[in-house]
Protein backbone atom coordinates (compact mmCIF):
# COMPACT_ATOMS: atom_id res chain seq x y z
CA MET A 1 105.51 203.18 305.53
CA LYS A 2 106.84 206.20 304.52
CA VAL A 3 105.23 208.23 301.71
CA LYS A 4 107.91 208.29 298.78
CA PHE A 5 108.29 211.16 296.61
CA ASN A 6 109.70 211.23 293.08
CA SER A 7 112.84 213.49 292.66
CA ASP A 8 111.05 215.75 290.53
CA ARG A 9 108.26 216.54 293.23
CA ILE A 10 107.82 219.73 295.19
CA VAL A 11 105.96 219.85 298.64
CA SER A 12 105.64 222.59 301.04
CA PHE A 13 104.94 222.17 304.91
CA HIS A 14 103.36 224.19 307.22
CA PRO A 15 101.20 223.25 310.09
CA ARG A 16 99.21 226.52 310.08
CA ARG A 17 97.67 228.98 307.89
CA GLN A 18 99.82 232.27 306.75
CA HIS A 19 100.46 233.13 303.26
CA ASN A 20 101.20 229.45 302.79
CA PHE A 21 97.69 228.56 301.14
CA GLU A 22 97.98 231.13 298.43
CA GLN A 23 101.45 229.94 297.96
CA ALA A 24 100.37 226.52 297.39
CA ALA A 25 97.53 227.52 294.85
CA CYS A 26 100.53 229.26 292.96
CA LEU A 27 102.37 226.00 292.77
CA THR A 28 99.68 223.80 291.78
CA GLU A 29 99.30 225.86 288.58
CA LEU A 30 102.86 226.01 287.93
CA TYR A 31 103.64 222.36 288.46
CA PRO A 32 100.66 220.43 288.02
CA GLY A 33 100.68 216.50 289.33
CA LYS A 34 104.23 217.49 290.53
CA PHE A 35 103.14 219.61 293.95
CA LYS A 36 101.82 218.70 297.10
CA HIS A 37 100.93 220.92 300.09
CA VAL A 38 101.55 219.46 303.84
CA THR A 39 99.46 221.23 306.46
CA SER A 40 97.68 219.96 309.83
CA ILE A 41 94.30 220.70 308.92
CA TYR A 42 92.62 221.56 305.81
CA PHE A 43 88.95 222.08 304.60
CA PRO A 44 87.94 221.52 300.86
CA PRO A 45 86.64 224.77 299.22
CA PHE A 46 83.47 223.15 298.22
CA LEU A 47 82.68 221.91 301.91
CA VAL A 48 82.82 225.65 302.89
CA ARG A 49 80.53 226.97 300.21
CA ILE A 50 78.20 224.49 300.95
CA LEU A 51 78.06 225.17 304.72
CA SER A 52 77.93 228.73 304.08
CA LYS A 53 74.45 228.31 302.94
CA ILE A 54 73.18 226.08 305.67
CA VAL A 55 75.22 227.24 308.80
CA PRO A 56 77.24 230.23 308.16
CA ARG A 57 78.93 230.51 311.34
CA TYR A 58 80.51 227.10 311.01
CA ALA A 59 81.65 227.85 307.69
CA SER A 60 83.40 230.92 308.37
CA GLN A 61 85.25 229.03 311.12
CA ILE A 62 86.51 226.13 308.88
CA GLY A 63 87.04 228.59 306.04
CA LYS A 64 90.18 229.73 307.97
CA ARG A 65 91.58 226.65 306.98
CA SER A 66 90.58 226.87 303.50
CA TYR A 67 91.28 228.80 300.01
CA HIS A 68 88.88 229.01 297.40
CA LYS A 69 91.72 228.44 294.83
CA LEU A 70 93.54 225.34 296.28
CA GLY A 71 91.71 221.86 295.89
CA LYS A 72 91.73 219.21 298.31
CA LYS A 73 93.68 216.93 296.24
CA TYR A 74 96.73 218.98 296.23
CA VAL A 75 96.75 218.80 300.26
CA ILE A 76 97.98 216.17 302.71
CA THR A 77 96.63 216.67 306.42
CA LEU A 78 98.67 215.71 309.37
CA PRO A 79 96.31 216.73 312.35
CA SER A 80 98.42 215.05 315.13
CA THR A 81 100.12 218.71 316.01
CA GLU A 82 96.91 220.32 316.14
CA PHE A 83 95.31 217.85 318.38
CA LYS A 84 98.37 218.29 320.88
CA LYS A 85 98.06 221.84 320.63
CA PHE A 86 94.23 221.72 321.76
CA PHE A 87 94.64 219.49 324.63
CA ALA A 88 97.65 221.32 325.85
CA GLY A 89 95.64 224.57 325.63
CA ARG A 90 92.76 223.05 327.66
CA LYS A 91 95.35 222.24 330.66
CA HIS A 92 97.18 225.38 330.48
CA GLU A 93 97.58 228.83 329.15
CA LEU A 94 100.28 228.08 326.06
CA HIS A 95 103.50 229.77 326.20
CA PRO A 96 106.08 230.46 323.38
CA SER A 97 108.10 227.33 324.58
CA ASP A 98 104.92 225.18 324.09
CA PHE A 99 104.76 226.33 320.33
CA LEU A 100 108.39 225.71 320.01
CA ASN A 101 107.85 221.94 321.09
CA LEU A 102 104.88 222.00 318.98
CA ASN A 103 106.78 222.80 316.15
CA GLU A 104 109.65 220.27 316.65
CA ASN A 105 106.56 217.50 317.04
CA TRP A 106 105.28 218.75 313.50
CA GLN A 107 108.62 218.21 311.70
CA LYS A 108 109.29 214.93 313.64
CA THR A 109 105.88 213.65 312.34
CA ILE A 110 106.99 214.64 308.76
CA LEU A 111 110.13 212.83 309.02
CA GLN A 112 108.66 209.71 310.12
CA ARG A 113 105.79 209.73 307.33
CA PHE A 114 107.42 211.11 304.58
CA GLU A 115 110.77 210.47 302.23
CA PRO A 116 112.59 213.56 301.24
CA PRO A 117 111.06 215.16 298.47
CA GLY A 118 113.11 216.89 295.27
CA VAL A 119 112.18 220.23 296.65
CA CYS A 120 111.21 220.88 300.20
CA ILE A 121 109.54 224.16 300.89
CA SER A 122 109.03 225.09 304.59
CA TYR A 123 108.61 227.84 307.09
CA ASP A 124 111.06 230.08 309.42
CA GLY A 125 111.14 228.01 312.78
CA ILE A 126 109.49 224.61 311.76
CA SER A 127 112.23 223.71 309.63
CA HIS A 128 115.53 223.24 311.41
CA LEU A 129 115.18 219.27 312.12
CA LEU A 130 113.90 218.86 308.43
CA PHE A 131 116.63 220.46 306.98
CA ARG A 132 118.94 218.96 309.04
CA LYS A 133 117.77 215.51 308.10
CA TRP A 134 117.13 216.36 304.24
CA LYS A 135 120.12 218.26 303.56
CA THR A 136 121.83 216.95 300.20
CA ARG A 137 118.62 214.83 299.47
CA SER A 138 116.50 217.66 298.70
CA LYS A 139 116.66 221.30 297.56
CA LEU A 140 115.84 223.00 300.75
CA ILE A 141 113.90 226.58 300.56
CA LEU A 142 113.36 228.43 303.78
CA ASP A 143 110.38 230.80 303.47
CA LEU A 144 111.04 233.50 306.06
CA ALA A 145 107.07 234.69 306.86
CA ILE A 146 108.56 237.41 309.17
CA GLY A 147 111.92 238.80 309.98
CA LEU A 148 114.50 237.21 312.48
CA PRO A 149 112.47 237.76 315.54
CA GLN A 150 116.08 238.54 317.35
CA TYR A 151 116.36 241.53 315.03
CA ARG A 152 113.59 242.93 317.34
CA ILE A 153 115.91 243.42 320.18
CA LYS A 154 118.24 245.57 317.66
CA ILE A 155 115.52 247.81 317.05
CA MET A 156 114.52 248.52 320.86
CA GLN A 157 118.03 249.08 321.62
CA GLY A 158 119.23 250.92 318.60
CA ASP A 159 122.77 252.07 318.30
CA GLN A 160 123.56 250.47 321.56
CA PHE A 161 122.62 246.96 320.46
CA HIS A 162 125.77 244.58 320.20
CA ILE A 163 125.65 240.64 319.81
CA GLY A 164 126.09 239.85 323.35
CA MET A 165 122.80 240.91 324.32
CA LEU A 166 121.63 237.76 322.47
CA ASP A 167 123.34 235.91 325.50
CA ASP A 168 121.31 237.52 327.99
CA MET A 169 117.92 236.18 326.19
CA SER A 170 115.83 233.77 328.09
CA GLU A 171 116.46 229.89 327.33
CA TYR A 172 113.54 229.92 324.83
CA HIS A 173 114.81 232.47 322.82
CA ARG A 174 118.18 231.36 322.76
CA LYS A 175 117.30 227.80 321.31
CA LEU A 176 114.65 229.80 318.82
CA PHE A 177 117.90 231.71 317.62
CA ALA A 178 119.64 228.49 317.33
CA CYS A 179 116.65 227.10 315.12
CA TYR A 180 116.55 229.86 312.92
CA LYS A 181 120.60 229.86 312.55
CA GLU A 182 120.56 226.32 311.60
CA GLU A 183 117.81 227.10 309.00
CA VAL A 184 119.79 229.57 307.19
CA GLU A 185 122.63 227.93 307.44
CA LEU A 186 121.25 224.62 305.56
CA ALA A 187 118.86 226.46 303.25
CA ASP A 188 119.71 226.50 299.61
CA ILE A 189 117.85 229.57 299.11
CA ILE A 190 115.85 231.65 301.47
CA LEU A 191 112.67 233.71 300.37
CA CYS A 192 112.30 236.81 301.88
CA GLY A 193 109.01 238.63 301.66
CA SER A 194 110.59 242.06 301.70
CA GLU A 195 113.81 244.12 301.51
CA PHE A 196 113.35 244.63 305.40
CA VAL A 197 113.04 240.59 305.91
CA LYS A 198 116.52 240.07 304.04
CA LYS A 199 117.73 243.14 306.13
CA THR A 200 117.58 241.05 309.16
CA VAL A 201 119.36 237.74 307.97
CA VAL A 202 122.12 239.64 306.56
CA TYR A 203 122.59 241.83 309.85
CA PHE A 204 122.92 238.37 311.89
CA PHE A 205 124.06 236.19 308.75
CA PRO A 206 125.96 238.50 306.50
CA GLU A 207 127.55 235.40 304.76
CA PHE A 208 124.22 234.21 303.60
CA GLY A 209 123.12 237.44 302.21
CA ASN A 210 123.65 235.47 298.94
CA LYS A 211 120.85 233.06 299.69
CA CYS A 212 118.48 235.77 300.00
CA TRP A 213 115.55 236.24 297.16
CA ILE A 214 113.09 239.11 297.57
CA LEU A 215 109.07 237.64 296.99
CA PRO A 216 106.81 240.38 297.92
CA TYR A 217 103.40 238.58 299.02
CA GLY A 218 99.93 239.92 296.94
CA THR A 219 96.43 240.52 297.38
CA GLU A 220 93.32 239.10 295.94
CA LEU A 221 92.92 241.96 293.30
CA ASN A 222 89.45 241.45 292.50
CA GLU A 223 87.79 241.29 296.24
CA PHE A 224 89.58 244.79 297.42
CA ASP A 225 90.04 246.72 294.26
CA TYR A 226 88.18 250.08 294.70
CA PRO A 227 88.99 252.31 291.77
CA GLU A 228 85.88 254.44 292.06
CA ARG A 229 87.11 255.76 295.55
CA ARG A 230 86.28 259.59 296.03
CA PHE A 231 88.45 261.87 297.77
CA GLN A 232 86.77 264.65 300.01
CA GLN A 233 88.18 267.54 302.43
CA LYS A 234 86.25 266.79 305.77
CA GLU A 235 86.50 267.05 309.57
CA ASP A 236 84.90 263.73 310.23
CA LEU A 237 88.04 261.90 308.44
CA LYS A 238 88.01 258.22 308.84
CA PHE A 239 91.43 256.30 309.73
CA VAL A 240 91.51 252.47 309.63
CA PHE A 241 94.20 249.96 311.10
CA VAL A 242 93.85 246.33 310.40
CA GLY A 243 95.83 243.92 311.95
CA ARG A 244 96.16 241.86 315.35
CA LEU A 245 96.04 244.47 318.10
CA SER A 246 99.27 243.90 319.67
CA TRP A 247 102.59 245.63 320.49
CA ARG A 248 104.75 244.09 317.71
CA LYS A 249 102.14 245.79 315.15
CA GLY A 250 101.91 249.11 317.04
CA THR A 251 98.91 249.33 318.17
CA ASP A 252 99.66 250.84 321.60
CA PHE A 253 101.78 253.44 319.85
CA LEU A 254 98.73 254.25 317.70
CA LEU A 255 96.35 254.61 320.38
CA ASP A 256 98.44 256.81 322.50
CA ALA A 257 99.43 259.28 319.69
CA TRP A 258 95.36 259.34 318.71
CA LYS A 259 94.68 260.63 322.07
CA ASP A 260 96.71 263.93 321.04
CA PHE A 261 94.87 263.97 317.61
CA THR A 262 91.84 263.70 318.66
CA VAL A 263 92.15 266.74 321.03
CA VAL A 264 92.69 268.84 317.70
CA HIS A 265 90.34 266.66 315.29
CA PRO A 266 87.33 265.72 317.43
CA ARG A 267 85.43 264.90 314.87
CA ALA A 268 87.67 262.38 313.10
CA GLU A 269 87.79 258.44 314.00
CA LEU A 270 89.64 255.72 314.39
CA HIS A 271 88.56 252.20 313.50
CA LEU A 272 90.63 249.12 314.46
CA PHE A 273 90.09 245.76 312.95
CA GLY A 274 91.58 242.78 314.12
CA ALA A 275 91.79 240.63 317.26
CA ALA A 276 93.22 242.03 320.51
CA ASP A 277 96.45 240.70 322.21
CA LYS A 278 95.98 240.73 326.51
CA GLU A 279 98.56 243.58 326.52
CA ILE A 280 96.58 246.02 324.57
CA ILE A 281 94.58 248.23 326.90
CA LEU A 282 91.33 248.92 325.07
CA ASP A 283 89.69 250.77 327.90
CA PRO A 284 89.10 253.68 328.31
CA LEU A 285 89.21 254.99 324.86
CA PRO A 286 88.19 258.21 323.43
CA ASP A 287 84.51 258.05 321.98
CA ASN A 288 85.53 258.14 318.41
CA VAL A 289 87.46 254.82 318.55
CA PHE A 290 85.57 252.19 317.24
CA ILE A 291 86.90 248.38 317.95
CA HIS A 292 85.45 245.87 315.32
CA GLY A 293 87.19 242.61 316.10
CA ARG A 294 88.22 240.54 313.37
CA LEU A 295 85.81 240.18 310.68
CA LYS A 296 85.07 237.91 307.55
CA THR A 297 86.61 239.31 304.44
CA PRO A 298 83.57 240.34 302.47
CA GLU A 299 82.44 242.40 305.55
CA LEU A 300 85.75 243.90 306.02
CA ILE A 301 86.08 245.02 302.37
CA VAL A 302 82.72 246.72 303.09
CA PHE A 303 84.08 248.63 305.78
CA LEU A 304 87.40 249.60 303.81
CA LYS A 305 85.15 251.25 301.40
CA GLU A 306 83.94 253.80 304.05
CA MET A 307 87.70 254.57 305.17
CA ASP A 308 89.72 257.55 304.40
CA VAL A 309 93.34 256.77 305.41
CA PHE A 310 95.08 253.46 306.15
CA VAL A 311 97.47 253.55 309.04
CA PHE A 312 99.67 251.11 310.19
CA PRO A 313 102.69 251.71 312.66
CA THR A 314 103.85 248.28 312.79
CA THR A 315 107.22 247.65 314.20
CA PHE A 316 107.82 244.19 312.66
CA GLU A 317 106.61 242.10 309.68
CA GLY A 318 107.42 240.23 306.47
CA SER A 319 105.49 241.44 303.97
CA SER A 320 102.10 243.00 305.40
CA ILE A 321 99.20 241.83 303.34
CA ALA A 322 97.08 244.20 304.85
CA VAL A 323 99.16 247.32 303.44
CA PHE A 324 98.73 245.24 299.92
CA GLN A 325 94.99 245.46 300.58
CA ALA A 326 94.82 248.94 301.64
CA MET A 327 96.51 249.54 298.47
CA ALA A 328 94.15 247.73 296.37
CA SER A 329 91.37 249.39 297.87
CA LYS A 330 92.95 252.90 296.87
CA LEU A 331 93.73 254.08 300.38
CA PRO A 332 96.40 256.42 301.23
CA VAL A 333 98.76 254.50 303.67
CA ILE A 334 100.74 255.43 306.50
CA THR A 335 103.22 252.78 307.54
CA THR A 336 106.68 251.91 308.53
CA LEU A 337 109.41 250.25 306.51
CA ASN A 338 109.52 247.50 308.82
CA SER A 339 105.98 246.89 307.21
CA GLY A 340 107.77 245.33 304.38
CA THR A 341 106.19 247.56 302.23
CA ILE A 342 106.93 247.95 298.66
CA LEU A 343 105.58 251.59 298.73
CA GLN A 344 107.97 254.78 298.66
CA HIS A 345 107.95 257.85 301.13
CA GLY A 346 106.30 260.88 299.36
CA GLN A 347 105.45 259.26 296.27
CA SER A 348 102.97 256.13 297.06
CA CYS A 349 102.80 256.45 300.91
CA GLU A 350 103.96 258.33 304.13
CA ILE A 351 106.83 256.27 306.01
CA ILE A 352 107.44 257.10 309.55
CA GLU A 353 110.27 255.45 311.70
CA ALA A 354 108.79 252.56 313.95
CA GLY A 355 108.06 254.21 317.60
CA ASP A 356 108.01 257.69 316.20
CA ARG A 357 104.93 259.19 317.69
CA ALA A 358 105.77 262.71 316.85
CA GLY A 359 106.32 261.50 313.09
CA LEU A 360 103.04 259.36 313.38
CA LEU A 361 100.93 262.59 314.43
CA ASN A 362 102.73 264.66 311.73
CA ALA A 363 101.83 262.20 309.11
CA MET A 364 98.20 261.86 309.98
CA GLU A 365 98.24 265.87 310.54
CA LYS A 366 99.34 266.08 306.95
CA LEU A 367 97.06 263.67 305.19
CA PHE A 368 94.02 265.19 307.33
CA TYR A 369 94.86 268.62 305.65
CA ASP A 370 96.31 267.99 302.41
CA LEU A 371 93.81 266.57 300.16
CA GLY A 372 95.78 266.46 297.12
CA TYR A 373 98.67 265.00 298.79
CA ARG A 374 96.19 262.23 299.85
CA GLN A 375 94.72 261.73 296.71
CA LYS A 376 98.25 261.34 294.98
CA LEU A 377 99.31 258.71 297.48
CA ALA A 378 96.23 256.69 297.34
CA GLU A 379 96.41 256.83 293.18
CA SER A 380 99.94 256.03 292.89
CA ALA A 381 99.72 253.01 295.54
CA HIS A 382 96.43 252.04 293.72
CA ALA A 383 98.14 251.37 290.22
CA LEU A 384 101.25 249.63 292.10
CA SER A 385 98.55 247.02 293.47
CA LYS A 386 97.64 245.87 290.01
CA HIS A 387 101.34 244.66 289.96
CA TYR A 388 100.99 242.80 293.36
CA THR A 389 98.60 240.11 292.96
CA TRP A 390 99.02 236.53 293.52
CA GLU A 391 99.37 236.00 289.96
CA ASP A 392 102.33 238.20 289.89
CA TYR A 393 103.41 236.32 293.13
CA LYS A 394 103.18 233.40 290.84
CA LEU A 395 105.40 234.44 288.08
CA ARG A 396 107.91 236.06 290.47
CA LEU A 397 108.33 232.79 292.10
CA THR A 398 108.65 231.08 288.61
CA ARG A 399 111.58 233.43 288.20
CA ILE A 400 113.48 232.84 291.33
CA LEU A 401 112.94 228.83 291.08
CA GLN A 402 114.57 228.85 287.56
CA GLU A 403 117.14 231.64 288.33
CA ALA A 404 118.29 229.87 291.35
CA ALA A 405 118.41 226.69 289.61
CA ILE A 406 115.91 224.93 291.98
CA TYR A 407 113.54 223.45 289.42
């Protein structure tokens, strides 16, 4: 028998962990008793706290599927998709088409288990079947966690791009584009984490630009805030990158540029935090490059306090939480507009073009030598971070739902 929601219920759906746990915690405060979050696996915060005292290693693992502000009573779990993913991964290495199939299985499970709620919040790539079935029966909110992936072709081709290039995509990419197209068309409103995300929507679907609402993410300010940071002119300046080590986030581009930078500045250091994709070549690297892997948040915070410059030359994001964390940590930031940053070039950060190797080198040189400029950027970004917490996210989300007449 299907679970039936009252017409005033808000329900969000996501099988994995992105910013949706933070969003769900905001919605539980905004609409107590009227909100539920549906995901594949979720562990209650109290369990994580208990295990952290007994078996920290396991607590760290399950903590990735938990959030300290989101009580278990607000969450419904549907683990079948996660089991299918696990068993498929044991048979063969998962390919993008496998994830597309898993996403459709997730949506079919939801349609089998639930009646449409008053408001449905779902995410890019995992919503087309839900929206198709529930159109006119629910108010449909598409939350774009990242820009439309087809825009990456536009970035790579530059001025040579034309829409016909999409016809040359693989069968998987054509199907993925069809999913995004249907989601954008059916959604009542689209939450975009940044102007960059909206830009990717409007490029392909200009007629739906009026559906887009900008909603930047936030950070845990009480954890990352470091107002007492001191700035020094020194030869062993520490640059830091946080995120998945991948082509998409520009890690290969950064490592290549660093080889030239370190010739002139042999005592400078580059620290990278995050899991590495297979495509990234991490050996051999200069001796002043340090790969730390993915750390627990408290450990990462300790390292960030020792760093001097945050460098994030990503090619494609939604609204990078890592940049917000750097802002709160009072680090000067080098990044791209594609990161979805709210920072402005020359005022609160150094903006470079995605893929501009010379531009990245120039930005690193500038911050290396100009202590006053480095401090100015860091202080401006830090001041802005106080307006981009998850509490601010909640207030902005409230206004959007009201102004868009969703709730």
